[in-house]
N, C-alpha and C. Protein backbone atom coordinates (compact mmCIF):
# COMPACT_ATOMS: atom_id res chain seq x y z
N MET A 1 -63.42 8.60 8.09
CA MET A 1 -64.82 8.99 8.30
C MET A 1 -65.72 8.00 7.59
N HIS A 2 -66.83 7.57 8.26
CA HIS A 2 -67.76 6.62 7.67
C HIS A 2 -68.41 7.21 6.42
N ALA A 3 -68.85 6.37 5.51
CA ALA A 3 -69.43 6.83 4.24
C ALA A 3 -70.70 7.65 4.48
N ALA A 4 -71.52 7.24 5.44
CA ALA A 4 -72.76 8.01 5.72
C ALA A 4 -72.45 9.38 6.24
N THR A 5 -71.43 9.54 7.08
CA THR A 5 -71.04 10.84 7.62
C THR A 5 -70.53 11.75 6.53
N ARG A 6 -69.72 11.22 5.62
CA ARG A 6 -69.19 12.03 4.52
C ARG A 6 -70.34 12.53 3.63
N HIS A 7 -71.35 11.70 3.43
CA HIS A 7 -72.48 12.08 2.58
C HIS A 7 -73.27 13.22 3.23
N VAL A 8 -73.51 13.17 4.54
CA VAL A 8 -74.25 14.23 5.22
C VAL A 8 -73.49 15.54 5.18
N ALA A 9 -72.18 15.54 5.40
CA ALA A 9 -71.37 16.75 5.37
C ALA A 9 -71.40 17.39 3.99
N TRP A 10 -71.31 16.60 2.95
CA TRP A 10 -71.34 17.14 1.59
C TRP A 10 -72.69 17.77 1.30
N ALA A 11 -73.77 17.16 1.77
CA ALA A 11 -75.12 17.72 1.55
C ALA A 11 -75.30 19.03 2.29
N ALA A 12 -74.76 19.15 3.50
CA ALA A 12 -74.91 20.39 4.28
C ALA A 12 -74.21 21.54 3.60
N MET A 13 -73.02 21.39 3.09
CA MET A 13 -72.28 22.45 2.42
C MET A 13 -72.98 22.86 1.13
N THR A 14 -73.59 21.94 0.43
CA THR A 14 -74.28 22.26 -0.81
C THR A 14 -75.51 23.12 -0.54
N VAL A 15 -76.28 22.77 0.45
CA VAL A 15 -77.50 23.54 0.76
C VAL A 15 -77.15 24.94 1.23
N SER A 16 -76.12 25.13 2.03
CA SER A 16 -75.79 26.44 2.60
C SER A 16 -75.32 27.41 1.54
N THR A 17 -74.74 26.98 0.48
CA THR A 17 -74.19 27.89 -0.54
C THR A 17 -75.17 28.16 -1.65
N GLU A 18 -76.08 27.21 -1.90
CA GLU A 18 -76.97 27.38 -3.04
C GLU A 18 -78.31 28.01 -2.64
N ARG A 19 -78.87 27.65 -1.49
CA ARG A 19 -80.20 28.12 -1.13
C ARG A 19 -80.17 29.43 -0.33
N PHE A 20 -79.02 29.79 0.27
CA PHE A 20 -78.94 30.98 1.08
C PHE A 20 -77.80 31.87 0.59
N PRO A 21 -78.07 32.75 -0.37
CA PRO A 21 -77.01 33.64 -0.85
C PRO A 21 -76.63 34.68 0.18
N ASP A 22 -77.57 35.06 1.09
CA ASP A 22 -77.24 36.02 2.13
C ASP A 22 -76.29 35.38 3.14
N ARG A 23 -75.24 36.13 3.57
CA ARG A 23 -74.19 35.57 4.42
C ARG A 23 -74.74 35.15 5.78
N ALA A 24 -75.57 36.05 6.44
CA ALA A 24 -76.09 35.72 7.76
C ALA A 24 -76.98 34.50 7.71
N ALA A 25 -77.85 34.50 6.69
CA ALA A 25 -78.74 33.35 6.56
C ALA A 25 -77.96 32.08 6.28
N ALA A 26 -76.91 32.26 5.47
CA ALA A 26 -76.09 31.08 5.14
C ALA A 26 -75.40 30.54 6.39
N LEU A 27 -74.87 31.46 7.25
CA LEU A 27 -74.21 31.00 8.47
C LEU A 27 -75.18 30.32 9.40
N SER A 28 -76.39 30.86 9.49
CA SER A 28 -77.39 30.23 10.34
C SER A 28 -77.75 28.84 9.85
N ALA A 29 -77.90 28.75 8.53
CA ALA A 29 -78.20 27.42 7.96
C ALA A 29 -77.04 26.45 8.15
N LEU A 30 -75.80 27.01 8.06
CA LEU A 30 -74.61 26.16 8.23
C LEU A 30 -74.54 25.61 9.65
N ASP A 31 -74.90 26.46 10.64
CA ASP A 31 -74.90 25.97 12.03
C ASP A 31 -75.91 24.84 12.19
N ALA A 32 -77.05 25.03 11.58
CA ALA A 32 -78.07 23.99 11.69
C ALA A 32 -77.60 22.68 11.06
N HIS A 33 -76.95 22.83 9.91
CA HIS A 33 -76.46 21.61 9.23
C HIS A 33 -75.30 20.99 9.99
N ARG A 34 -74.48 21.82 10.67
CA ARG A 34 -73.41 21.26 11.50
C ARG A 34 -73.99 20.42 12.63
N ALA A 35 -75.08 20.93 13.23
CA ALA A 35 -75.73 20.15 14.28
C ALA A 35 -76.25 18.83 13.72
N LEU A 36 -76.82 18.91 12.50
CA LEU A 36 -77.29 17.69 11.86
C LEU A 36 -76.13 16.72 11.59
N LEU A 37 -74.98 17.29 11.19
CA LEU A 37 -73.81 16.46 10.93
C LEU A 37 -73.34 15.75 12.19
N VAL A 38 -73.29 16.49 13.32
CA VAL A 38 -72.87 15.88 14.59
C VAL A 38 -73.83 14.78 14.99
N ALA A 39 -75.14 15.05 14.83
CA ALA A 39 -76.14 14.04 15.19
C ALA A 39 -75.98 12.79 14.33
N ALA A 40 -75.72 13.01 13.04
CA ALA A 40 -75.54 11.85 12.14
C ALA A 40 -74.31 11.06 12.51
N ALA A 41 -73.23 11.78 12.86
CA ALA A 41 -72.01 11.08 13.26
C ALA A 41 -72.21 10.27 14.52
N LEU A 42 -72.90 10.86 15.52
CA LEU A 42 -73.16 10.14 16.76
C LEU A 42 -74.04 8.92 16.52
N THR A 43 -75.04 9.09 15.64
CA THR A 43 -75.92 7.96 15.33
C THR A 43 -75.15 6.83 14.66
N THR A 44 -74.28 7.21 13.73
CA THR A 44 -73.48 6.19 13.02
C THR A 44 -72.55 5.46 13.98
N ALA A 45 -71.89 6.23 14.89
CA ALA A 45 -70.97 5.62 15.85
C ALA A 45 -71.71 4.66 16.76
N ALA A 46 -72.93 5.08 17.22
CA ALA A 46 -73.71 4.20 18.08
C ALA A 46 -74.12 2.94 17.34
N TRP A 47 -74.49 3.08 16.06
CA TRP A 47 -74.91 1.90 15.28
C TRP A 47 -73.74 0.92 15.09
N LEU A 48 -72.56 1.49 14.82
CA LEU A 48 -71.39 0.62 14.66
C LEU A 48 -71.02 -0.06 15.97
N GLY A 49 -71.21 0.65 17.09
CA GLY A 49 -70.85 0.05 18.37
C GLY A 49 -71.76 -1.08 18.77
N LEU A 50 -72.99 -1.07 18.26
CA LEU A 50 -73.94 -2.14 18.59
C LEU A 50 -73.77 -3.38 17.74
N GLN A 51 -72.97 -3.31 16.69
CA GLN A 51 -72.78 -4.48 15.84
C GLN A 51 -71.93 -5.53 16.54
N PRO A 52 -72.29 -6.83 16.47
CA PRO A 52 -71.46 -7.87 17.10
C PRO A 52 -70.12 -8.00 16.38
N PRO A 53 -69.05 -8.26 17.14
CA PRO A 53 -67.73 -8.39 16.51
C PRO A 53 -67.67 -9.59 15.58
N SER A 54 -66.98 -9.41 14.49
CA SER A 54 -66.83 -10.51 13.53
C SER A 54 -65.88 -11.56 14.09
N PRO A 55 -66.22 -12.83 13.95
CA PRO A 55 -65.30 -13.87 14.45
C PRO A 55 -64.00 -13.86 13.66
N PRO A 56 -62.90 -14.15 14.34
CA PRO A 56 -61.62 -14.16 13.61
C PRO A 56 -61.59 -15.25 12.55
N ALA A 57 -60.98 -14.92 11.46
CA ALA A 57 -60.90 -15.88 10.34
C ALA A 57 -60.01 -17.04 10.74
N GLU A 58 -60.51 -18.25 10.52
CA GLU A 58 -59.73 -19.44 10.84
C GLU A 58 -58.81 -19.76 9.67
N PRO A 59 -57.57 -20.14 9.99
CA PRO A 59 -56.66 -20.52 8.89
C PRO A 59 -57.15 -21.78 8.20
N ASP A 60 -56.92 -21.81 6.91
CA ASP A 60 -57.32 -22.98 6.14
C ASP A 60 -56.56 -24.19 6.62
N SER A 61 -57.29 -25.21 7.03
CA SER A 61 -56.63 -26.43 7.49
C SER A 61 -56.53 -27.39 6.32
N PRO A 62 -55.32 -27.85 6.01
CA PRO A 62 -55.16 -28.80 4.89
C PRO A 62 -55.89 -30.09 5.18
N SER A 63 -56.39 -30.68 4.14
CA SER A 63 -57.11 -31.93 4.29
C SER A 63 -56.16 -33.04 4.68
N ALA A 64 -56.76 -34.10 5.21
CA ALA A 64 -55.93 -35.23 5.63
C ALA A 64 -55.23 -35.87 4.44
N GLU A 65 -55.88 -35.79 3.25
CA GLU A 65 -55.26 -36.41 2.09
C GLU A 65 -54.05 -35.61 1.62
N ALA A 66 -54.10 -34.27 1.79
CA ALA A 66 -52.99 -33.45 1.31
C ALA A 66 -51.82 -33.47 2.26
N THR A 67 -52.05 -33.85 3.53
CA THR A 67 -50.97 -33.87 4.51
C THR A 67 -50.35 -35.25 4.55
N PRO A 68 -49.11 -35.42 4.08
CA PRO A 68 -48.50 -36.75 4.12
C PRO A 68 -48.17 -37.15 5.55
N ALA A 69 -48.30 -38.41 5.82
CA ALA A 69 -47.97 -38.91 7.15
C ALA A 69 -46.46 -38.81 7.35
N PRO A 70 -46.03 -38.43 8.55
CA PRO A 70 -44.59 -38.33 8.78
C PRO A 70 -43.91 -39.67 8.61
N ALA A 71 -42.78 -39.62 7.89
CA ALA A 71 -42.04 -40.86 7.65
C ALA A 71 -41.34 -41.30 8.93
N THR A 72 -41.53 -42.54 9.28
CA THR A 72 -40.92 -43.08 10.49
C THR A 72 -39.89 -44.13 10.08
N ALA A 73 -38.65 -43.85 10.38
CA ALA A 73 -37.59 -44.80 10.07
C ALA A 73 -37.58 -45.90 11.11
N PRO A 74 -37.34 -47.12 10.71
CA PRO A 74 -37.30 -48.20 11.69
C PRO A 74 -36.18 -47.97 12.70
N ALA A 75 -36.48 -48.31 13.94
CA ALA A 75 -35.48 -48.13 15.00
C ALA A 75 -34.32 -49.09 14.78
N GLY A 76 -33.16 -48.61 15.06
CA GLY A 76 -31.99 -49.48 14.90
C GLY A 76 -30.73 -48.78 15.31
N PRO A 77 -29.57 -49.39 15.17
CA PRO A 77 -29.43 -50.75 14.66
C PRO A 77 -29.78 -51.79 15.73
N PRO A 78 -30.09 -53.03 15.30
CA PRO A 78 -30.21 -53.47 13.91
C PRO A 78 -31.51 -52.98 13.28
N TRP A 79 -31.51 -52.90 11.95
CA TRP A 79 -32.70 -52.52 11.20
C TRP A 79 -33.31 -53.76 10.58
N ARG A 80 -34.62 -53.87 10.62
CA ARG A 80 -35.31 -55.03 10.06
C ARG A 80 -36.25 -54.58 8.95
N TYR A 81 -36.19 -55.25 7.83
CA TYR A 81 -36.97 -54.89 6.66
C TYR A 81 -37.69 -56.12 6.13
N GLY A 82 -38.65 -55.87 5.23
CA GLY A 82 -39.33 -56.96 4.55
C GLY A 82 -40.58 -57.41 5.27
N ARG A 83 -41.26 -58.36 4.67
CA ARG A 83 -42.47 -58.91 5.25
C ARG A 83 -42.15 -59.71 6.51
N ALA A 84 -43.18 -59.91 7.30
CA ALA A 84 -42.96 -60.64 8.55
C ALA A 84 -42.48 -62.07 8.29
N ASP A 85 -42.92 -62.66 7.16
CA ASP A 85 -42.51 -64.03 6.86
C ASP A 85 -41.25 -64.09 6.00
N ALA A 86 -40.70 -62.95 5.64
CA ALA A 86 -39.46 -62.94 4.83
C ALA A 86 -38.62 -61.74 5.24
N ARG A 87 -38.39 -61.60 6.51
CA ARG A 87 -37.70 -60.43 7.03
C ARG A 87 -36.19 -60.63 7.01
N PHE A 88 -35.46 -59.56 6.69
CA PHE A 88 -34.01 -59.62 6.79
C PHE A 88 -33.53 -58.45 7.65
N THR A 89 -32.34 -58.61 8.20
CA THR A 89 -31.82 -57.66 9.18
C THR A 89 -30.55 -57.03 8.66
N VAL A 90 -30.37 -55.73 8.93
CA VAL A 90 -29.16 -55.00 8.56
C VAL A 90 -28.49 -54.52 9.84
N VAL A 91 -27.20 -54.81 9.97
CA VAL A 91 -26.45 -54.39 11.15
C VAL A 91 -25.22 -53.61 10.72
N GLU A 92 -24.66 -52.84 11.63
CA GLU A 92 -23.45 -52.10 11.35
C GLU A 92 -22.22 -52.98 11.53
N TYR A 93 -21.09 -52.45 11.12
CA TYR A 93 -19.86 -53.22 11.12
C TYR A 93 -19.52 -53.74 12.52
N ALA A 94 -19.26 -55.03 12.61
CA ALA A 94 -18.80 -55.70 13.83
C ALA A 94 -19.84 -55.72 14.93
N ASP A 95 -21.09 -55.32 14.65
CA ASP A 95 -22.14 -55.42 15.66
C ASP A 95 -22.48 -56.88 15.92
N LEU A 96 -22.81 -57.18 17.17
CA LEU A 96 -23.19 -58.54 17.52
C LEU A 96 -24.50 -58.91 16.83
N VAL A 97 -24.50 -60.00 16.12
CA VAL A 97 -25.68 -60.46 15.38
C VAL A 97 -26.49 -61.38 16.28
N THR A 98 -27.70 -60.97 16.60
CA THR A 98 -28.59 -61.78 17.43
C THR A 98 -29.84 -62.22 16.67
N ALA A 99 -30.08 -61.64 15.50
CA ALA A 99 -31.28 -61.98 14.73
C ALA A 99 -31.08 -63.30 13.99
N LYS A 100 -32.19 -63.98 13.75
CA LYS A 100 -32.16 -65.21 12.97
C LYS A 100 -32.45 -64.89 11.51
N GLY A 101 -32.12 -65.82 10.63
CA GLY A 101 -32.40 -65.63 9.22
C GLY A 101 -31.29 -64.87 8.51
N PHE A 102 -31.67 -64.15 7.44
CA PHE A 102 -30.70 -63.45 6.61
C PHE A 102 -30.31 -62.13 7.28
N VAL A 103 -29.01 -61.94 7.49
CA VAL A 103 -28.49 -60.72 8.12
C VAL A 103 -27.44 -60.13 7.20
N PHE A 104 -27.57 -58.83 6.91
CA PHE A 104 -26.62 -58.10 6.07
C PHE A 104 -25.83 -57.15 6.94
N MET A 105 -24.48 -57.28 6.91
CA MET A 105 -23.62 -56.39 7.69
C MET A 105 -22.97 -55.35 6.78
N ASP A 106 -22.98 -54.11 7.21
CA ASP A 106 -22.38 -53.01 6.45
C ASP A 106 -20.86 -53.08 6.62
N THR A 107 -20.17 -53.60 5.62
CA THR A 107 -18.72 -53.75 5.69
C THR A 107 -18.09 -53.23 4.40
N PRO A 108 -16.79 -52.94 4.42
CA PRO A 108 -16.10 -52.62 3.17
C PRO A 108 -16.02 -53.84 2.26
N GLY A 109 -15.64 -53.61 1.02
CA GLY A 109 -15.50 -54.72 0.09
C GLY A 109 -14.18 -55.47 0.23
N TYR A 110 -13.25 -54.91 0.97
CA TYR A 110 -11.95 -55.56 1.15
C TYR A 110 -12.13 -56.82 1.98
N ASP A 111 -11.69 -57.97 1.44
CA ASP A 111 -12.00 -59.27 2.02
C ASP A 111 -11.63 -59.40 3.50
N PRO A 112 -10.38 -59.17 3.89
CA PRO A 112 -10.03 -59.38 5.31
C PRO A 112 -10.81 -58.48 6.26
N VAL A 113 -11.04 -57.21 5.87
CA VAL A 113 -11.79 -56.29 6.73
C VAL A 113 -13.25 -56.76 6.85
N SER A 114 -13.85 -57.15 5.73
CA SER A 114 -15.23 -57.60 5.74
C SER A 114 -15.40 -58.83 6.63
N ALA A 115 -14.56 -59.83 6.44
CA ALA A 115 -14.68 -61.07 7.23
C ALA A 115 -14.36 -60.84 8.70
N THR A 116 -13.43 -59.93 9.00
CA THR A 116 -13.12 -59.63 10.40
C THR A 116 -14.34 -59.06 11.11
N GLY A 117 -15.07 -58.18 10.43
CA GLY A 117 -16.30 -57.64 11.03
C GLY A 117 -17.33 -58.72 11.26
N GLN A 118 -17.45 -59.67 10.34
CA GLN A 118 -18.42 -60.75 10.50
C GLN A 118 -18.04 -61.65 11.68
N VAL A 119 -16.75 -61.92 11.81
CA VAL A 119 -16.29 -62.74 12.94
C VAL A 119 -16.55 -62.00 14.25
N ALA A 120 -16.28 -60.69 14.27
CA ALA A 120 -16.53 -59.91 15.47
C ALA A 120 -18.02 -59.88 15.81
N GLY A 121 -18.88 -59.99 14.78
CA GLY A 121 -20.32 -60.01 15.01
C GLY A 121 -20.84 -61.35 15.48
N GLY A 122 -19.96 -62.36 15.53
CA GLY A 122 -20.36 -63.66 16.06
C GLY A 122 -20.33 -64.80 15.07
N ALA A 123 -19.88 -64.57 13.84
CA ALA A 123 -19.83 -65.67 12.86
C ALA A 123 -18.78 -66.69 13.28
N ASN A 124 -19.18 -67.94 13.41
CA ASN A 124 -18.23 -69.00 13.78
C ASN A 124 -17.84 -69.87 12.60
N LEU A 125 -18.33 -69.51 11.40
CA LEU A 125 -17.92 -70.20 10.17
C LEU A 125 -18.24 -69.26 9.01
N ILE A 126 -17.32 -69.20 8.04
CA ILE A 126 -17.47 -68.28 6.91
C ILE A 126 -17.45 -69.07 5.61
N CYS A 127 -18.45 -68.79 4.74
CA CYS A 127 -18.44 -69.31 3.37
C CYS A 127 -17.97 -68.18 2.47
N PHE A 128 -16.76 -68.29 1.97
CA PHE A 128 -16.09 -67.21 1.26
C PHE A 128 -16.12 -67.49 -0.23
N THR A 129 -16.86 -66.67 -0.99
CA THR A 129 -16.91 -66.85 -2.44
C THR A 129 -15.82 -66.02 -3.11
N THR A 130 -15.20 -66.56 -4.14
CA THR A 130 -14.17 -65.84 -4.88
C THR A 130 -14.21 -66.24 -6.35
N GLY A 131 -14.04 -65.25 -7.21
CA GLY A 131 -14.01 -65.53 -8.64
C GLY A 131 -12.65 -65.30 -9.25
N ARG A 132 -11.74 -64.65 -8.50
CA ARG A 132 -10.39 -64.37 -9.02
C ARG A 132 -9.32 -65.15 -8.29
N GLY A 133 -9.69 -65.82 -7.18
CA GLY A 133 -8.71 -66.65 -6.50
C GLY A 133 -8.12 -66.04 -5.25
N SER A 134 -8.92 -65.34 -4.46
CA SER A 134 -8.42 -64.81 -3.19
C SER A 134 -8.00 -65.96 -2.29
N VAL A 135 -6.84 -65.82 -1.70
CA VAL A 135 -6.31 -66.88 -0.83
C VAL A 135 -6.61 -66.57 0.63
N TYR A 136 -7.69 -65.84 0.86
CA TYR A 136 -8.04 -65.47 2.23
C TYR A 136 -8.29 -66.72 3.07
N GLY A 137 -7.73 -66.69 4.27
CA GLY A 137 -7.98 -67.76 5.24
C GLY A 137 -8.21 -67.12 6.60
N CYS A 138 -9.15 -67.64 7.35
CA CYS A 138 -9.53 -67.01 8.61
C CYS A 138 -9.28 -67.99 9.75
N LYS A 139 -8.39 -67.62 10.66
CA LYS A 139 -8.07 -68.50 11.78
C LYS A 139 -9.12 -68.47 12.90
N PRO A 140 -9.65 -67.32 13.28
CA PRO A 140 -10.65 -67.38 14.36
C PRO A 140 -11.86 -68.23 14.00
N SER A 141 -12.31 -68.16 12.74
CA SER A 141 -13.44 -68.95 12.27
C SER A 141 -13.04 -69.65 10.98
N PRO A 142 -13.37 -70.94 10.82
CA PRO A 142 -13.00 -71.64 9.59
C PRO A 142 -13.61 -70.96 8.36
N SER A 143 -12.88 -70.95 7.26
CA SER A 143 -13.30 -70.30 6.03
C SER A 143 -13.41 -71.34 4.93
N ILE A 144 -14.64 -71.58 4.47
CA ILE A 144 -14.89 -72.49 3.36
C ILE A 144 -14.81 -71.68 2.07
N LYS A 145 -13.87 -72.06 1.19
CA LYS A 145 -13.65 -71.29 -0.04
C LYS A 145 -14.53 -71.86 -1.16
N LEU A 146 -15.35 -71.00 -1.76
CA LEU A 146 -16.26 -71.39 -2.83
C LEU A 146 -15.81 -70.73 -4.12
N ALA A 147 -15.28 -71.51 -5.06
CA ALA A 147 -14.85 -71.00 -6.36
C ALA A 147 -16.08 -70.82 -7.24
N THR A 148 -16.19 -69.63 -7.88
CA THR A 148 -17.38 -69.35 -8.68
C THR A 148 -17.26 -69.85 -10.12
N ASN A 149 -16.10 -70.33 -10.52
CA ASN A 149 -15.95 -70.83 -11.90
C ASN A 149 -14.97 -71.99 -11.89
N THR A 150 -15.16 -72.89 -12.85
CA THR A 150 -14.36 -74.12 -12.91
C THR A 150 -12.89 -73.87 -13.21
N PRO A 151 -12.52 -72.95 -14.16
CA PRO A 151 -11.09 -72.71 -14.40
C PRO A 151 -10.35 -72.28 -13.13
N LEU A 152 -10.95 -71.45 -12.31
CA LEU A 152 -10.30 -71.04 -11.06
C LEU A 152 -10.13 -72.24 -10.15
N TYR A 153 -11.16 -73.05 -10.01
CA TYR A 153 -11.07 -74.21 -9.12
C TYR A 153 -9.96 -75.16 -9.58
N GLU A 154 -9.84 -75.35 -10.88
CA GLU A 154 -8.82 -76.25 -11.39
C GLU A 154 -7.41 -75.70 -11.17
N ARG A 155 -7.26 -74.37 -11.22
CA ARG A 155 -5.94 -73.78 -11.00
C ARG A 155 -5.56 -73.77 -9.52
N MET A 156 -6.53 -73.71 -8.63
CA MET A 156 -6.24 -73.55 -7.21
C MET A 156 -6.98 -74.61 -6.39
N THR A 157 -6.92 -75.83 -6.84
CA THR A 157 -7.64 -76.90 -6.16
C THR A 157 -7.19 -77.06 -4.71
N GLU A 158 -5.90 -76.80 -4.44
CA GLU A 158 -5.39 -77.00 -3.08
C GLU A 158 -5.94 -75.98 -2.08
N ASP A 159 -6.53 -74.87 -2.58
CA ASP A 159 -7.03 -73.83 -1.67
C ASP A 159 -8.54 -73.62 -1.79
N MET A 160 -9.19 -74.27 -2.77
CA MET A 160 -10.63 -74.12 -2.95
C MET A 160 -11.34 -75.37 -2.43
N ASP A 161 -12.40 -75.15 -1.65
CA ASP A 161 -13.11 -76.29 -1.07
C ASP A 161 -14.20 -76.83 -1.99
N ILE A 162 -14.91 -75.95 -2.68
CA ILE A 162 -16.02 -76.40 -3.52
C ILE A 162 -15.99 -75.63 -4.83
N ASN A 163 -16.30 -76.34 -5.95
CA ASN A 163 -16.37 -75.72 -7.27
C ASN A 163 -17.83 -75.40 -7.59
N CYS A 164 -18.21 -74.15 -7.41
CA CYS A 164 -19.58 -73.72 -7.75
C CYS A 164 -19.73 -73.45 -9.24
N GLY A 165 -18.61 -73.45 -9.99
CA GLY A 165 -18.68 -73.26 -11.43
C GLY A 165 -19.42 -74.37 -12.14
N GLU A 166 -19.64 -75.50 -11.48
CA GLU A 166 -20.38 -76.60 -12.10
C GLU A 166 -21.82 -76.20 -12.39
N ILE A 167 -22.34 -75.20 -11.65
CA ILE A 167 -23.70 -74.73 -11.95
C ILE A 167 -23.72 -74.04 -13.31
N VAL A 168 -22.70 -73.19 -13.57
CA VAL A 168 -22.62 -72.51 -14.86
C VAL A 168 -22.32 -73.53 -15.97
N ASP A 169 -21.54 -74.53 -15.66
CA ASP A 169 -21.22 -75.56 -16.67
C ASP A 169 -22.43 -76.41 -17.01
N GLY A 170 -23.44 -76.40 -16.14
CA GLY A 170 -24.65 -77.18 -16.40
C GLY A 170 -24.56 -78.61 -15.95
N THR A 171 -23.56 -78.96 -15.16
CA THR A 171 -23.41 -80.35 -14.72
C THR A 171 -24.17 -80.64 -13.43
N VAL A 172 -24.48 -79.59 -12.65
CA VAL A 172 -25.27 -79.78 -11.43
C VAL A 172 -26.27 -78.63 -11.34
N SER A 173 -27.30 -78.83 -10.53
CA SER A 173 -28.29 -77.79 -10.32
C SER A 173 -27.91 -76.94 -9.11
N VAL A 174 -28.59 -75.80 -8.98
CA VAL A 174 -28.36 -74.94 -7.82
C VAL A 174 -28.71 -75.69 -6.54
N GLN A 175 -29.79 -76.45 -6.58
CA GLN A 175 -30.19 -77.19 -5.38
C GLN A 175 -29.14 -78.24 -4.99
N GLU A 176 -28.59 -78.92 -5.98
CA GLU A 176 -27.57 -79.93 -5.67
C GLU A 176 -26.32 -79.31 -5.09
N LYS A 177 -25.89 -78.18 -5.65
CA LYS A 177 -24.69 -77.51 -5.13
C LYS A 177 -24.98 -76.94 -3.74
N GLY A 178 -26.17 -76.43 -3.52
CA GLY A 178 -26.53 -75.94 -2.20
C GLY A 178 -26.47 -77.04 -1.16
N ARG A 179 -26.93 -78.22 -1.51
CA ARG A 179 -26.85 -79.36 -0.59
C ARG A 179 -25.40 -79.72 -0.29
N GLU A 180 -24.54 -79.67 -1.31
CA GLU A 180 -23.12 -79.97 -1.11
C GLU A 180 -22.48 -78.97 -0.15
N ILE A 181 -22.80 -77.69 -0.32
CA ILE A 181 -22.25 -76.66 0.57
C ILE A 181 -22.76 -76.87 2.00
N PHE A 182 -24.05 -77.18 2.13
CA PHE A 182 -24.62 -77.39 3.46
C PHE A 182 -23.98 -78.57 4.17
N GLU A 183 -23.75 -79.65 3.43
CA GLU A 183 -23.11 -80.82 4.03
C GLU A 183 -21.68 -80.51 4.49
N LEU A 184 -20.95 -79.71 3.70
CA LEU A 184 -19.59 -79.35 4.09
C LEU A 184 -19.61 -78.43 5.31
N ILE A 185 -20.60 -77.55 5.40
CA ILE A 185 -20.71 -76.69 6.59
C ILE A 185 -20.86 -77.56 7.84
N LEU A 186 -21.69 -78.58 7.78
CA LEU A 186 -21.88 -79.47 8.93
C LEU A 186 -20.59 -80.20 9.28
N GLN A 187 -19.85 -80.63 8.26
CA GLN A 187 -18.61 -81.36 8.51
C GLN A 187 -17.56 -80.46 9.16
N VAL A 188 -17.43 -79.21 8.64
CA VAL A 188 -16.44 -78.28 9.19
C VAL A 188 -16.84 -77.88 10.61
N ALA A 189 -18.14 -77.66 10.84
CA ALA A 189 -18.60 -77.31 12.18
C ALA A 189 -18.37 -78.46 13.16
N SER A 190 -18.25 -79.67 12.63
CA SER A 190 -18.00 -80.84 13.48
C SER A 190 -16.53 -81.11 13.68
N GLY A 191 -15.65 -80.31 13.05
CA GLY A 191 -14.22 -80.46 13.32
C GLY A 191 -13.35 -80.70 12.10
N GLU A 192 -13.93 -80.94 10.93
CA GLU A 192 -13.12 -81.17 9.74
C GLU A 192 -12.43 -79.86 9.32
N ALA A 193 -11.15 -79.93 8.94
CA ALA A 193 -10.39 -78.74 8.56
C ALA A 193 -10.70 -78.34 7.11
N THR A 194 -10.78 -77.06 6.87
CA THR A 194 -10.95 -76.56 5.50
C THR A 194 -9.59 -76.57 4.80
N ARG A 195 -9.57 -76.30 3.49
CA ARG A 195 -8.32 -76.26 2.75
C ARG A 195 -7.39 -75.17 3.32
N SER A 196 -7.94 -74.01 3.64
CA SER A 196 -7.11 -72.94 4.20
C SER A 196 -6.52 -73.35 5.54
N GLU A 197 -7.30 -74.01 6.35
CA GLU A 197 -6.79 -74.46 7.65
C GLU A 197 -5.69 -75.50 7.46
N ALA A 198 -5.89 -76.38 6.50
CA ALA A 198 -4.87 -77.41 6.27
C ALA A 198 -3.56 -76.79 5.81
N LEU A 199 -3.63 -75.66 5.09
CA LEU A 199 -2.42 -74.98 4.62
C LEU A 199 -1.85 -74.03 5.67
N GLY A 200 -2.54 -73.87 6.79
CA GLY A 200 -2.07 -72.97 7.84
C GLY A 200 -2.24 -71.50 7.50
N MET A 201 -3.19 -71.19 6.63
CA MET A 201 -3.40 -69.80 6.23
C MET A 201 -4.42 -69.13 7.15
N GLY A 202 -4.21 -67.84 7.41
CA GLY A 202 -5.15 -67.08 8.21
C GLY A 202 -4.56 -66.45 9.45
N ASN A 203 -3.24 -66.64 9.67
CA ASN A 203 -2.63 -66.07 10.87
C ASN A 203 -2.65 -64.54 10.86
N ASP A 204 -2.55 -63.96 9.68
CA ASP A 204 -2.46 -62.50 9.57
C ASP A 204 -3.71 -61.89 8.92
N GLU A 205 -4.84 -62.55 9.07
CA GLU A 205 -6.05 -62.09 8.39
C GLU A 205 -7.00 -61.34 9.30
N PHE A 206 -6.56 -60.94 10.49
CA PHE A 206 -7.41 -60.15 11.39
C PHE A 206 -7.16 -58.67 11.08
N VAL A 207 -8.09 -58.04 10.35
CA VAL A 207 -7.91 -56.66 9.89
C VAL A 207 -9.18 -55.87 10.21
N PRO A 208 -9.23 -55.21 11.36
CA PRO A 208 -10.41 -54.38 11.67
C PRO A 208 -10.52 -53.19 10.71
N TRP A 209 -11.72 -52.68 10.58
CA TRP A 209 -11.99 -51.54 9.71
C TRP A 209 -11.44 -50.28 10.36
N GLN A 210 -10.55 -49.60 9.67
CA GLN A 210 -9.97 -48.36 10.15
C GLN A 210 -10.54 -47.17 9.38
N LEU A 211 -10.53 -46.00 10.02
CA LEU A 211 -10.96 -44.80 9.32
C LEU A 211 -9.95 -44.45 8.24
N GLY A 212 -10.43 -44.07 7.08
CA GLY A 212 -9.53 -43.75 5.98
C GLY A 212 -9.37 -44.93 5.05
N ALA A 213 -8.39 -44.84 4.18
CA ALA A 213 -8.15 -45.90 3.20
C ALA A 213 -7.64 -47.16 3.87
N VAL A 214 -8.16 -48.31 3.45
CA VAL A 214 -7.73 -49.59 3.99
C VAL A 214 -7.24 -50.43 2.82
N MET A 215 -5.99 -50.84 2.87
CA MET A 215 -5.38 -51.60 1.79
C MET A 215 -4.90 -52.96 2.31
């Protein structure tokens, strides 16, 4: 019941009991007040019906600053990262490499499996770095062995093509050793045999990546 209607009803009952102690007079007054109550109720209902409906409350919309932009992962594979002038590419194992520049292939750390994936991706020459003396040799693609320290190179001179330990020894600069490696790459690409090729190593070095442990 509306508040105005409740107020009128309470006033009618108070007047009928206090001002008219006689029962007949009280009943007559009560009928009159009941009529007044009905009229008040009808008036209130009509007034409420004429009121315009309240617009529905709109949900709070978060500000543009509070809403983070959806993260968009680069399409791939291959995936390309970095600045436009220094971009590098990431490819999956044994995927064909068509991008120029620096390309990183997702391979295991096991030497034969890693190099096999690179060869399958299109590598026609491999520069293989080793610090402990891996005797890996690759027959499908020539493998240039780069020793990372001078003691290793001296122990395995017959299987190491270049001694990169001279950089640590301080006898050559990084630029000079890089030039030496680049010149050897050109020679091997032109037909010169690497140390591994001269030893006939690499016949059993084709090891694709298998599911599970690879030894």
